[in-house]
Amino acid sequence: MRPSFGAKPTKDGVSFRLWAPAARRVDLLLDRRHAMQRRQDGWYVADIAGLSAGSPYKFRIDDEIDVPDPASAFQPEDVFGPSEVIDHDAFSWRARDWRGRPWEETVLIETHVGTFTPKGTYRAMIDKLDHLAATGITALELMPLADFAGRRGWGYDGVLWYAPDSAYGRPEDLKTLIDEAHLRGLMVFLDVVYNHFGPEGNYLGRYAPAFFTDAHTPWGSAIDYRVPQVRAFAVENALSWLSDYRFDGLRLDAANHIMAVPGEQSMLQDLSVAAGELAKATGRHVHLVLENGDNRASLLDAAQEPPNGKYRGQWNDDYHHVWHVMLTGELAGYYADYQTPRLDLARALASGFVYQGEVSEFWGKKPRGEPSGQLPPATFVNFLQNHDQIGNRPLGDRLESLASPQQIEAALAVTLLAPMVPMLFQGEEWGSTVPFPFFCDFQGGLADAVRNGRKQEYAWAYEKYGDEVPDPLDPATLQSAVLDWTGRTPLQDARLALVRELLALRRKEIMPRLRGASFGETEAADNGLLTAHWRLGDGTALRLTANLSDHEIMPNVSAGTPIWGGETGDRLPPWSVVWRLGG
């Protein structure tokens, strides 16, 4: 089926389509002006013979404003410049036989293209792929790429969803990165934002106001997915990333802010079905992951292959929060919901979410979540750090500056060998202390609003740290977040060796047994002893014994053959972790 939106090369030229129901007239601007024909339901079309890929163009709305294509495939001069016609079929893929990897083999690392390397480009990331593969990472996840205003940003303010941001390179550079990753056996995931558009460079409200509702998200107007064209815009965008760029999976940001109509099939379901049809047609593994503060277990099913309305997994914020409270003692904001972190960790290990219908104070003193223990453990993407949990701190400081190495290594030993899908944040594999503060590149009043908003939100931090709090608009703030690949200390080399050893053990003992695994029981004692077990897909029991305290304790006798941490003996040292198989 031909996509509805954007500019598509044909054998004779280029076909242009724009949905602009509120426009009285639309002209295509090339070397000269071409009046576009209005069709049913607000569509404007133009077929230009003899035009080739690489041609710049814009749309003129009602002789009043010139705008880029909302489905632009590339913006070489940022969001305010002309769009460029891209022929996706012209790229020559090398990993032509790549079909992806099963979900159970997933070990994610979240990255930001602009700070992952000093050059901050798609092509520069290629030089680090061998490091990721050698570490035991199997999936590279990129923070959002949809074109946003300016040269610096996290990507969550994208306004042109189909255009990978030119700050990092051209579309063919991104494809080359993905191709090279596939040649090394690495999957590549992309974070996508379908809950709002960014505040600068979005013109849809002028000629297609039906995109938006009167409701609002924390970041702007909610998108009205009741409108068929709007729903198609998002679903086709997802398919473009999966087919034109051959991403192996997508992670949908803040899905709880994507508008749903009670009693009707949601856009989320439509997207999953469409991705599943693509997977069936191509023989590929396609993985869809949610971030969803509502903890809706009914949207999830890691075993559904290919996707058919469900999502493979969800980022498990609950899991992160209980570890953060346990390791740092911080209880501000959403951490206040986790006053008993050891008990909460036991619940997460036993059944996925901590909040499965319980009342959450932070989430408006109302029930949050649905029962999740019936799902496969691999439904849950567990992590100790990510861009949000680091970058939303005033200084952007990592866990390394908040907890002891012994505590962090115990947490890693639990996270990387548990039967959930683990995720690291860039540099976490060697214990990087490079911060990841929030940064952006807005101008004028919007820049002032961002700066003042941060000062209000983190007033206590500005009072405590003063000028140490980084200015999000200062180019130096991005530079402070660039990973240092050359200055690892002996302690960081030891951390990297530990992570590689854990992931090698995961690859050998856990991954082959994950399909068909189920949750078991956990117990957290007052003295810091944590025990847990799961039934793996081949019937083998996976057992965890951990001392999550600062003192020695006497462990319970546990069956099975040790695979990590050795025998417990009569005493279990502080912050020690033992894994066993069998029994």
Protein backbone atom coordinates (compact mmCIF):
# COMPACT_ATOMS: atom_id res chain seq x y z
CA MET A 1 0.00 0.00 0.00
CA ARG A 2 1.36 3.40 -0.96
CA PRO A 3 1.98 5.65 2.06
CA SER A 4 -0.43 8.58 2.25
CA PHE A 5 1.94 11.35 3.29
CA GLY A 6 5.02 13.06 1.90
CA ALA A 7 7.02 13.15 -1.32
CA LYS A 8 7.59 9.83 -3.08
CA PRO A 9 9.83 9.31 -6.12
CA THR A 10 8.09 7.56 -9.02
CA LYS A 11 9.45 6.22 -12.30
CA ASP A 12 8.53 9.51 -13.97
CA GLY A 13 9.31 12.05 -11.25
CA VAL A 14 8.01 12.77 -7.75
CA SER A 15 4.49 12.60 -6.28
CA PHE A 16 3.61 15.02 -3.47
CA ARG A 17 0.72 14.68 -1.00
CA LEU A 18 -0.25 17.03 1.82
CA TRP A 19 -3.24 16.76 4.14
CA ALA A 20 -4.30 20.37 4.72
CA PRO A 21 -8.06 20.40 5.35
CA ALA A 22 -8.04 23.99 6.69
CA ALA A 23 -6.17 25.43 3.69
CA ARG A 24 -8.05 27.12 0.85
CA ARG A 25 -5.06 26.81 -1.51
CA VAL A 26 -1.71 25.01 -1.43
CA ASP A 27 1.19 25.58 -3.80
CA LEU A 28 4.24 23.38 -4.18
CA LEU A 29 7.39 25.50 -4.24
CA LEU A 30 10.21 24.10 -6.38
CA ASP A 31 12.16 26.13 -8.90
CA ARG A 32 8.80 27.73 -9.50
CA ARG A 33 5.33 27.59 -8.00
CA HIS A 34 3.00 24.66 -8.81
CA ALA A 35 -0.66 24.79 -7.77
CA MET A 36 -1.65 21.57 -6.01
CA GLN A 37 -4.99 19.92 -6.73
CA ARG A 38 -7.44 19.61 -3.87
CA ARG A 39 -8.98 16.16 -3.47
CA GLN A 40 -11.47 14.70 -1.02
CA ASP A 41 -11.07 15.06 2.73
CA GLY A 42 -8.56 17.91 2.54
CA TRP A 43 -5.82 16.21 0.52
CA TYR A 44 -3.67 18.26 -1.87
CA VAL A 45 -1.66 16.43 -4.55
CA ALA A 46 0.87 17.23 -7.26
CA ASP A 47 2.81 14.92 -9.60
CA ILE A 48 5.94 16.56 -11.03
CA ALA A 49 7.54 14.80 -13.98
CA GLY A 50 11.29 14.88 -14.43
CA LEU A 51 12.01 15.77 -10.79
CA SER A 52 14.67 13.72 -9.01
CA ALA A 53 15.60 12.77 -5.48
CA GLY A 54 17.61 15.46 -3.73
CA SER A 55 15.28 18.25 -4.86
CA PRO A 56 14.36 20.85 -2.21
CA TYR A 57 10.72 21.90 -1.81
CA LYS A 58 8.20 23.65 0.45
CA PHE A 59 4.47 24.17 0.56
CA ARG A 60 2.82 27.61 0.44
CA ILE A 61 -0.43 27.80 2.39
CA ASP A 62 -3.08 30.31 1.22
CA ASP A 63 -0.39 32.67 -0.11
CA GLU A 64 0.40 33.44 3.53
CA ILE A 65 3.03 31.09 4.88
CA ASP A 66 5.69 28.71 3.50
CA VAL A 67 6.05 25.47 5.44
CA PRO A 68 8.10 22.27 5.23
CA ASP A 69 6.45 18.95 4.51
CA PRO A 70 5.15 17.50 7.81
CA ALA A 71 6.21 14.10 6.42
CA SER A 72 9.56 15.44 5.18
CA ALA A 73 12.15 12.70 4.83
CA PHE A 74 15.02 15.14 5.46
CA GLN A 75 15.60 18.76 6.47
CA PRO A 76 19.18 19.73 5.54
CA GLU A 77 18.63 23.28 6.89
CA ASP A 78 16.69 22.34 10.05
CA VAL A 79 12.94 22.52 10.63
CA PHE A 80 12.42 25.98 9.10
CA GLY A 81 14.22 25.22 5.84
CA PRO A 82 13.07 23.36 2.72
CA SER A 83 12.37 19.65 2.73
CA GLU A 84 14.42 17.33 0.53
CA VAL A 85 13.07 14.50 -1.62
CA ILE A 86 14.66 11.23 -0.50
CA ASP A 87 14.59 7.97 -2.47
CA HIS A 88 14.74 5.34 0.24
CA ASP A 89 14.95 2.55 -2.33
CA ALA A 90 18.27 3.89 -3.62
CA PHE A 91 20.27 2.79 -0.56
CA SER A 92 22.32 -0.39 -1.05
CA TRP A 93 22.05 -2.53 2.08
CA ARG A 94 24.91 -4.92 2.86
CA ALA A 95 23.19 -6.96 5.60
CA ARG A 96 20.49 -8.08 3.18
CA ASP A 97 19.84 -11.36 4.98
CA TRP A 98 19.34 -9.76 8.41
CA ARG A 99 16.06 -10.76 10.00
CA GLY A 100 16.71 -9.56 13.53
CA ARG A 101 16.94 -11.49 16.78
CA PRO A 102 14.32 -12.98 19.11
CA TRP A 103 13.19 -10.72 21.92
CA GLU A 104 14.63 -13.06 24.53
CA GLU A 105 18.13 -12.24 23.25
CA THR A 106 17.71 -8.52 23.87
CA VAL A 107 20.23 -6.61 25.99
CA LEU A 108 19.67 -2.89 25.39
CA ILE A 109 21.91 0.13 25.69
CA GLU A 110 20.22 3.53 25.44
CA THR A 111 22.26 6.18 23.63
CA HIS A 112 22.08 9.79 22.47
CA VAL A 113 23.73 10.21 19.08
CA GLY A 114 25.01 13.72 19.79
CA THR A 115 26.86 12.77 22.99
CA PHE A 116 27.77 9.13 22.38
CA THR A 117 30.97 10.19 20.57
CA PRO A 118 32.96 13.45 20.38
CA LYS A 119 31.85 13.94 16.76
CA GLY A 120 28.20 13.32 17.66
CA THR A 121 27.19 11.75 14.33
CA TYR A 122 25.58 8.58 13.04
CA ARG A 123 28.79 7.55 11.30
CA ALA A 124 30.95 8.19 14.36
CA MET A 125 28.85 5.67 16.29
CA ILE A 126 29.95 2.93 13.91
CA ASP A 127 33.42 2.94 15.45
CA LYS A 128 31.92 1.93 18.81
CA LEU A 129 29.76 -0.95 17.62
CA ASP A 130 32.50 -3.53 18.16
CA HIS A 131 32.79 -2.36 21.77
CA LEU A 132 29.06 -2.90 22.28
CA ALA A 133 29.12 -6.36 20.72
CA ALA A 134 32.17 -7.38 22.76
CA THR A 135 30.45 -6.20 25.94
CA GLY A 136 27.46 -8.46 25.32
CA ILE A 137 25.04 -5.75 24.21
CA THR A 138 22.67 -7.06 21.54
CA ALA A 139 20.53 -3.98 20.89
CA LEU A 140 21.51 -0.34 20.36
CA GLU A 141 18.66 2.04 21.25
CA LEU A 142 18.76 5.61 19.91
CA MET A 143 16.99 8.48 21.62
CA PRO A 144 14.51 10.26 19.30
CA LEU A 145 15.77 11.44 15.93
CA ALA A 146 12.67 13.18 14.54
CA ASP A 147 13.83 16.62 13.43
CA PHE A 148 13.67 19.23 16.20
CA ALA A 149 14.46 22.94 16.22
CA GLY A 150 18.13 23.79 16.68
CA ARG A 151 21.34 21.77 16.69
CA ARG A 152 21.17 20.41 20.23
CA GLY A 153 18.45 18.51 22.05
CA TRP A 154 17.32 15.26 23.57
CA GLY A 155 14.92 14.72 20.66
CA TYR A 156 11.62 14.70 22.54
CA ASP A 157 10.61 18.02 20.95
CA GLY A 158 10.55 16.65 17.41
CA VAL A 159 8.18 18.31 14.94
CA LEU A 160 8.97 16.50 11.68
CA TRP A 161 8.51 12.86 12.60
CA TYR A 162 9.77 11.29 9.36
CA ALA A 163 13.05 13.26 9.11
CA PRO A 164 16.12 12.07 11.04
CA ASP A 165 17.73 15.19 12.46
CA SER A 166 20.41 16.69 10.21
CA ALA A 167 22.56 17.60 13.23
CA TYR A 168 23.76 13.98 13.19
CA GLY A 169 24.08 13.40 9.44
CA ARG A 170 22.04 12.47 6.40
CA PRO A 171 19.48 9.63 6.08
CA GLU A 172 22.04 7.45 4.30
CA ASP A 173 24.41 7.93 7.24
CA LEU A 174 21.77 6.64 9.63
CA LYS A 175 21.10 3.68 7.34
CA THR A 176 24.82 2.93 7.22
CA LEU A 177 24.95 2.89 11.03
CA ILE A 178 22.03 0.45 11.17
CA ASP A 179 23.52 -1.69 8.41
CA GLU A 180 26.87 -1.89 10.19
CA ALA A 181 25.14 -2.79 13.44
CA HIS A 182 23.28 -5.62 11.72
CA LEU A 183 26.52 -6.92 10.21
CA ARG A 184 27.78 -7.28 13.79
CA GLY A 185 24.63 -9.03 15.01
CA LEU A 186 23.30 -5.95 16.80
CA MET A 187 19.66 -4.93 16.67
CA VAL A 188 18.85 -1.21 16.54
CA PHE A 189 15.85 0.36 18.29
CA LEU A 190 14.49 3.89 18.01
CA ASP A 191 12.66 5.97 20.58
CA VAL A 192 9.61 7.63 18.99
CA VAL A 193 7.30 10.31 20.37
CA TYR A 194 3.62 10.11 19.40
CA ASN A 195 2.10 11.97 22.36
CA HIS A 196 2.89 15.56 21.29
CA PHE A 197 4.75 17.77 18.83
CA GLY A 198 7.56 20.09 19.89
CA PRO A 199 6.91 23.80 20.53
CA GLU A 200 8.96 25.24 17.67
CA GLY A 201 8.71 24.45 13.95
CA ASN A 202 5.31 22.75 13.95
CA TYR A 203 2.86 24.35 11.50
CA LEU A 204 0.14 21.69 11.52
CA GLY A 205 -2.18 23.86 13.57
CA ARG A 206 -2.34 26.36 10.71
CA TYR A 207 -3.54 24.04 7.93
CA ALA A 208 -4.54 20.81 9.73
CA PRO A 209 -5.87 21.83 13.18
CA ALA A 210 -7.75 18.52 13.36
CA PHE A 211 -4.44 17.00 14.48
CA PHE A 212 -5.04 18.41 17.96
CA THR A 213 -7.63 18.27 20.71
CA ASP A 214 -8.48 20.72 23.47
CA ALA A 215 -6.75 18.37 25.91
CA HIS A 216 -3.13 18.90 26.88
CA THR A 217 -0.15 16.75 27.77
CA PRO A 218 2.63 18.07 30.02
CA TRP A 219 4.42 19.15 26.83
CA GLY A 220 1.68 20.61 24.64
CA SER A 221 -1.64 19.91 22.92
CA ALA A 222 -2.78 16.29 22.80
CA ILE A 223 -2.97 14.63 19.38
CA ASP A 224 -6.42 13.57 18.20
CA TYR A 225 -6.08 9.98 17.03
CA ARG A 226 -9.84 9.73 16.50
CA VAL A 227 -9.17 11.40 13.13
CA PRO A 228 -8.28 8.69 10.57
CA GLN A 229 -5.65 10.81 8.79
CA VAL A 230 -3.96 11.65 12.08
CA ARG A 231 -3.88 8.01 13.12
CA ALA A 232 -2.49 7.05 9.72
CA PHE A 233 0.23 9.71 10.05
CA ALA A 234 1.59 8.02 13.20
CA VAL A 235 1.20 4.42 12.02
CA GLU A 236 2.84 5.15 8.68
CA ASN A 237 5.65 6.93 10.49
CA ALA A 238 6.32 3.83 12.57
CA LEU A 239 6.34 1.69 9.43
CA SER A 240 8.74 4.13 7.75
CA TRP A 241 11.30 3.74 10.53
CA LEU A 242 10.87 -0.05 10.49
CA SER A 243 10.98 -0.48 6.71
CA ASP A 244 12.87 2.47 5.16
CA TYR A 245 15.56 2.38 7.86
CA ARG A 246 15.20 -1.25 8.98
CA PHE A 247 15.05 -0.49 12.67
CA ASP A 248 14.41 -3.70 14.59
CA GLY A 249 12.14 -2.10 17.15
CA LEU A 250 10.54 1.06 18.46
CA ARG A 251 10.08 2.36 21.99
CA LEU A 252 7.01 4.62 22.30
CA ASP A 253 7.54 7.50 24.70
CA ALA A 254 4.99 8.21 27.46
CA ALA A 255 2.20 6.13 25.94
CA ASN A 256 -0.10 7.10 28.81
CA HIS A 257 -0.33 10.53 27.17
CA ILE A 258 -1.45 9.11 23.82
CA MET A 259 -5.17 9.79 23.59
CA ALA A 260 -7.38 6.70 23.53
CA VAL A 261 -11.12 6.41 22.99
CA PRO A 262 -12.84 4.02 25.43
CA GLY A 263 -14.38 1.07 23.64
CA GLU A 264 -12.54 1.64 20.37
CA GLN A 265 -9.36 0.10 19.04
CA SER A 266 -6.58 2.51 19.90
CA MET A 267 -3.82 3.89 17.73
CA LEU A 268 -1.45 1.75 19.80
CA GLN A 269 -3.26 -1.39 18.71
CA ASP A 270 -3.35 -0.26 15.07
CA LEU A 271 0.38 0.42 15.14
CA SER A 272 1.12 -3.00 16.62
CA VAL A 273 -1.04 -4.78 14.03
CA ALA A 274 0.63 -2.88 11.17
CA ALA A 275 4.10 -3.68 12.51
CA GLY A 276 3.12 -7.33 12.82
CA GLU A 277 1.97 -7.41 9.21
CA LEU A 278 5.32 -5.97 8.18
CA ALA A 279 7.10 -8.63 10.23
CA LYS A 280 5.09 -11.42 8.59
CA ALA A 281 5.64 -10.04 5.11
CA THR A 282 9.41 -9.74 5.55
CA GLY A 283 10.16 -12.64 7.90
CA ARG A 284 11.72 -10.22 10.36
CA HIS A 285 11.59 -9.95 14.13
CA VAL A 286 9.95 -6.61 14.98
CA HIS A 287 9.84 -5.51 18.62
CA LEU A 288 7.60 -2.79 20.07
CA VAL A 289 8.17 -1.40 23.57
CA LEU A 290 6.18 1.07 25.64
CA GLU A 291 6.96 3.63 28.26
CA ASN A 292 3.64 3.84 30.10
CA GLY A 293 3.18 5.38 33.53
CA ASP A 294 -0.26 3.75 33.75
CA ASN A 295 1.32 0.25 33.98
CA ARG A 296 -1.33 -1.24 31.70
CA ALA A 297 -0.41 -4.92 31.64
CA SER A 298 -3.28 -5.58 29.22
CA LEU A 299 -1.30 -3.87 26.44
CA LEU A 300 1.68 -6.23 26.85
CA ASP A 301 2.62 -9.70 25.69
CA ALA A 302 6.26 -10.56 25.12
CA ALA A 303 5.29 -13.93 23.63
CA GLN A 304 3.04 -12.53 20.86
CA GLU A 305 5.05 -13.24 17.70
CA PRO A 306 4.70 -11.29 15.51
CA PRO A 307 2.98 -8.31 17.16
CA ASN A 308 -0.78 -8.31 16.67
CA GLY A 309 -2.18 -5.56 18.86
CA LYS A 310 0.12 -6.05 21.86
CA TYR A 311 3.55 -4.73 22.82
CA ARG A 312 6.60 -6.84 23.46
CA GLY A 313 7.65 -5.04 26.62
CA GLN A 314 7.57 -1.97 28.81
CA TRP A 315 10.24 0.11 30.49
CA ASN A 316 9.76 -0.79 34.15
CA ASP A 317 10.13 2.53 35.98
CA ASP A 318 9.03 0.83 39.19
CA TYR A 319 12.12 -1.36 39.10
CA HIS A 320 14.41 1.64 38.68
CA HIS A 321 12.70 3.63 41.42
CA VAL A 322 12.99 0.96 44.11
CA TRP A 323 16.71 0.52 43.45
CA HIS A 324 17.26 4.28 43.43
CA VAL A 325 15.53 4.71 46.78
CA MET A 326 17.41 1.75 48.24
CA LEU A 327 20.81 2.96 47.06
CA THR A 328 20.44 6.70 47.64
CA GLY A 329 17.75 7.20 50.26
CA GLU A 330 16.12 9.88 48.09
CA LEU A 331 12.35 10.12 48.56
CA ALA A 332 11.42 13.32 46.73
CA GLY A 333 8.89 13.41 43.87
CA TYR A 334 7.84 10.04 42.50
CA TYR A 335 10.35 8.27 44.74
CA ALA A 336 7.97 8.96 47.65
CA ASP A 337 5.81 6.10 46.37
CA TYR A 338 8.57 3.60 47.26
CA GLN A 339 8.97 3.89 51.03
CA THR A 340 9.74 0.15 51.43
CA PRO A 341 12.25 -0.46 48.64
CA ARG A 342 13.30 -4.00 49.53
CA LEU A 343 9.70 -5.18 49.68
CA ASP A 344 8.95 -3.26 46.49
CA LEU A 345 11.95 -4.84 44.76
CA ALA A 346 10.73 -8.28 45.78
CA ARG A 347 7.34 -7.48 44.24
CA ALA A 348 8.94 -6.30 40.99
CA LEU A 349 11.02 -9.47 40.77
CA ALA A 350 8.01 -11.63 41.60
CA SER A 351 5.45 -10.13 39.21
CA GLY A 352 6.81 -7.22 37.14
CA PHE A 353 5.24 -3.96 38.27
CA VAL A 354 5.23 -2.67 41.82
CA TYR A 355 2.00 -0.75 41.22
CA GLN A 356 -0.62 -3.18 39.95
CA GLY A 357 -3.75 -1.31 41.01
CA GLU A 358 -2.55 0.13 44.31
CA VAL A 359 -3.13 3.79 45.11
CA SER A 360 -0.20 6.00 44.11
CA GLU A 361 0.25 9.25 45.98
CA PHE A 362 2.39 10.78 43.25
CA TRP A 363 -0.02 9.80 40.45
CA GLY A 364 -2.90 11.77 41.94
CA LYS A 365 -3.76 9.55 44.91
CA LYS A 366 -5.56 7.10 42.65
CA PRO A 367 -5.11 3.45 41.66
CA ARG A 368 -2.25 2.88 39.24
CA GLY A 369 -1.52 -0.20 37.18
CA GLU A 370 -2.96 -3.62 36.40
CA PRO A 371 -1.95 -7.12 37.63
CA SER A 372 1.14 -8.22 35.71
CA GLY A 373 2.32 -11.49 37.26
CA GLN A 374 0.71 -13.58 34.50
CA LEU A 375 2.99 -12.04 31.87
CA PRO A 376 6.35 -13.53 30.85
CA PRO A 377 9.20 -11.98 32.89
CA ALA A 378 10.84 -10.80 29.63
CA THR A 379 7.91 -8.41 29.19
CA PHE A 380 9.69 -6.01 31.54
CA VAL A 381 12.68 -3.89 30.53
CA ASN A 382 14.64 -3.34 33.75
CA PHE A 383 17.32 -0.71 34.26
CA LEU A 384 19.20 1.17 36.94
CA GLN A 385 19.71 4.35 34.87
CA ASN A 386 18.29 5.98 31.75
CA HIS A 387 18.22 9.41 30.13
CA ASP A 388 15.23 10.57 32.19
CA GLN A 389 16.42 9.45 35.58
CA ILE A 390 19.84 11.04 35.07
CA GLY A 391 18.95 14.04 32.92
CA ASN A 392 15.99 15.20 34.97
CA ARG A 393 18.27 15.72 37.94
CA PRO A 394 19.43 19.36 38.24
CA LEU A 395 23.10 18.44 37.75
CA GLY A 396 22.52 15.45 35.48
CA ASP A 397 24.62 13.32 37.83
CA ARG A 398 24.73 9.55 37.48
CA LEU A 399 24.26 6.81 40.05
CA GLU A 400 28.05 6.52 40.35
CA SER A 401 28.11 9.77 42.33
CA LEU A 402 25.25 8.71 44.61
CA ALA A 403 26.01 5.11 45.64
CA SER A 404 29.05 2.99 46.41
CA PRO A 405 30.66 0.75 43.76
CA GLN A 406 29.81 -2.27 45.90
CA GLN A 407 26.11 -1.36 45.93
CA ILE A 408 26.00 -0.62 42.20
CA GLU A 409 27.74 -3.87 41.32
CA ALA A 410 25.24 -5.85 43.39
CA ALA A 411 22.40 -4.09 41.59
CA LEU A 412 24.02 -4.88 38.24
CA ALA A 413 24.46 -8.53 39.19
CA VAL A 414 20.72 -8.74 39.89
CA THR A 415 19.61 -6.73 36.86
CA LEU A 416 21.81 -8.34 34.21
CA LEU A 417 21.03 -11.95 35.16
CA ALA A 418 17.34 -11.71 36.08
CA PRO A 419 14.93 -13.13 33.45
CA MET A 420 13.72 -9.65 32.48
CA VAL A 421 15.25 -7.72 29.57
CA PRO A 422 18.11 -5.54 30.90
CA MET A 423 19.01 -2.06 29.68
CA LEU A 424 22.09 0.07 30.31
CA PHE A 425 22.59 3.78 29.63
CA GLN A 426 25.58 4.86 27.51
CA GLY A 427 28.81 4.52 29.49
CA GLU A 428 27.12 2.69 32.36
CA GLU A 429 28.91 -0.48 31.30
CA TRP A 430 32.18 0.98 32.58
CA GLY A 431 30.75 3.16 35.35
CA SER A 432 31.09 6.47 33.53
CA THR A 433 30.72 9.56 35.72
CA VAL A 434 30.11 11.89 32.76
CA PRO A 435 26.83 13.73 33.51
CA PHE A 436 23.82 13.82 31.22
CA PRO A 437 22.07 17.13 31.96
CA PHE A 438 19.11 18.44 30.00
CA PHE A 439 20.07 20.57 26.97
CA CYS A 440 18.29 22.22 24.05
CA ASP A 441 18.79 24.91 21.41
CA PHE A 442 15.71 27.11 21.36
CA GLN A 443 15.82 30.82 20.62
CA GLY A 444 14.20 34.01 21.89
CA GLY A 445 11.20 33.84 24.20
CA LEU A 446 11.02 30.05 24.11
CA ALA A 447 14.63 29.81 25.29
CA ASP A 448 13.84 32.19 28.13
CA ALA A 449 10.77 30.17 29.04
CA VAL A 450 12.79 26.94 29.22
CA ARG A 451 15.49 28.55 31.31
CA ASN A 452 13.01 30.16 33.72
CA GLY A 453 10.94 27.00 33.91
CA ARG A 454 13.96 24.99 34.99
CA LYS A 455 14.82 27.59 37.64
CA GLN A 456 11.31 27.34 39.05
CA GLU A 457 11.19 23.54 38.96
CA TYR A 458 14.61 23.19 40.58
CA ALA A 459 14.60 26.29 42.78
CA TRP A 460 16.10 24.33 45.65
CA ALA A 461 19.00 23.21 43.45
CA TYR A 462 19.74 26.73 42.22
CA GLU A 463 19.73 27.90 45.83
CA LYS A 464 22.06 25.08 46.86
CA TYR A 465 24.39 24.85 43.85
CA GLY A 466 24.05 28.26 42.21
CA ASP A 467 25.99 28.51 38.96
CA GLU A 468 26.92 24.82 39.14
CA VAL A 469 23.46 24.00 37.77
CA PRO A 470 24.03 23.82 34.00
CA ASP A 471 22.19 26.20 31.71
CA PRO A 472 20.23 23.99 29.27
CA LEU A 473 20.70 26.59 26.49
CA ASP A 474 24.49 26.80 26.83
CA PRO A 475 26.37 24.76 24.18
CA ALA A 476 28.80 23.76 26.93
CA THR A 477 26.03 21.77 28.63
CA LEU A 478 25.86 19.35 25.72
CA GLN A 479 29.65 19.17 25.61
CA SER A 480 29.72 18.21 29.29
CA ALA A 481 27.62 15.14 28.43
CA VAL A 482 29.89 13.75 25.70
CA LEU A 483 31.24 10.34 26.68
CA ASP A 484 34.97 10.10 27.38
CA TRP A 485 36.14 6.97 25.59
CA THR A 486 39.84 7.47 26.34
CA GLY A 487 40.13 8.17 30.04
CA ARG A 488 38.90 5.00 31.75
CA THR A 489 40.42 4.40 35.18
CA PRO A 490 41.49 0.96 36.45
CA LEU A 491 38.29 0.83 38.49
CA GLN A 492 36.24 1.53 35.35
CA ASP A 493 38.13 -1.16 33.45
CA ALA A 494 37.21 -3.56 36.26
CA ARG A 495 33.56 -2.50 36.03
CA LEU A 496 33.54 -3.14 32.29
CA ALA A 497 35.07 -6.58 32.87
CA LEU A 498 32.35 -7.33 35.43
CA VAL A 499 29.54 -6.31 33.07
CA ARG A 500 31.04 -8.36 30.25
CA GLU A 501 31.32 -11.39 32.52
CA LEU A 502 27.70 -11.03 33.65
CA LEU A 503 26.41 -10.64 30.11
CA ALA A 504 28.48 -13.59 28.88
CA LEU A 505 26.84 -15.68 31.61
CA ARG A 506 23.44 -14.34 30.61
CA ARG A 507 24.08 -15.31 26.98
CA LYS A 508 25.13 -18.82 28.00
CA GLU A 509 22.71 -19.73 30.78
CA ILE A 510 19.70 -17.37 30.72
CA MET A 511 18.92 -16.37 27.12
CA PRO A 512 18.44 -19.92 25.78
CA ARG A 513 15.91 -20.62 28.56
CA LEU A 514 13.90 -17.38 28.55
CA ARG A 515 11.14 -18.32 26.11
CA GLY A 516 8.33 -19.79 28.17
CA ALA A 517 9.73 -18.58 31.52
CA SER A 518 7.32 -17.62 34.30
CA PHE A 519 7.40 -15.69 37.55
CA GLY A 520 7.91 -17.48 40.85
CA GLU A 521 8.14 -16.27 44.42
CA THR A 522 10.32 -13.75 46.21
CA GLU A 523 10.90 -12.84 49.82
CA ALA A 524 12.56 -9.79 51.38
CA ALA A 525 13.64 -10.05 55.01
CA ASP A 526 14.16 -7.13 57.38
CA ASN A 527 17.88 -7.91 57.62
CA GLY A 528 18.46 -7.27 53.90
CA LEU A 529 18.20 -10.85 52.65
CA LEU A 530 16.41 -11.15 49.30
CA THR A 531 15.53 -14.50 47.76
CA ALA A 532 13.72 -15.17 44.51
CA HIS A 533 13.13 -17.91 42.00
CA TRP A 534 11.64 -18.25 38.53
CA ARG A 535 10.75 -21.23 36.36
CA LEU A 536 12.60 -20.95 33.04
CA GLY A 537 11.30 -22.20 29.72
CA ASP A 538 13.05 -25.56 29.89
CA GLY A 539 11.70 -26.23 33.38
CA THR A 540 14.92 -25.24 35.15
CA ALA A 541 14.61 -23.15 38.30
CA LEU A 542 16.59 -19.90 38.40
CA ARG A 543 17.33 -18.87 42.00
CA LEU A 544 18.62 -15.62 43.48
CA THR A 545 20.05 -15.03 46.93
CA ALA A 546 21.24 -11.51 47.71
CA ASN A 547 22.36 -9.55 50.74
CA LEU A 548 21.21 -5.98 50.12
CA SER A 549 22.57 -4.53 53.33
CA ASP A 550 25.79 -3.15 54.80
CA HIS A 551 26.34 -6.07 57.19
CA GLU A 552 26.89 -9.82 56.98
CA ILE A 553 23.83 -12.02 57.28
CA MET A 554 23.10 -15.72 57.54
CA PRO A 555 21.41 -16.84 54.31
CA ASN A 556 18.76 -19.46 53.92
CA VAL A 557 19.86 -22.77 52.51
CA SER A 558 19.20 -22.72 48.75
CA ALA A 559 19.12 -25.54 46.24
CA GLY A 560 20.72 -25.55 42.81
CA THR A 561 24.15 -25.22 41.25
CA PRO A 562 25.86 -21.84 41.68
CA ILE A 563 26.51 -20.00 38.40
CA TRP A 564 27.42 -16.62 39.89
CA GLY A 565 28.76 -15.52 43.25
CA GLY A 566 29.92 -18.94 44.48
CA GLU A 567 28.69 -20.78 47.54
CA THR A 568 27.04 -18.67 50.22
CA GLY A 569 28.51 -20.51 53.20
CA ASP A 570 27.42 -19.62 56.70
CA ARG A 571 27.69 -15.88 56.05
CA LEU A 572 26.73 -13.70 53.12
CA PRO A 573 28.92 -10.58 52.83
CA PRO A 574 27.34 -7.13 52.42
CA TRP A 575 25.94 -6.37 48.96
CA SER A 576 26.66 -9.82 47.60
CA VAL A 577 24.64 -11.71 45.01
CA VAL A 578 24.46 -15.45 44.33
CA TRP A 579 22.66 -17.03 41.37
CA ARG A 580 21.86 -20.75 41.03
CA LEU A 581 20.27 -22.99 38.44
CA GLY A 582 18.23 -26.10 39.22
CA GLY A 583 16.90 -27.60 42.38
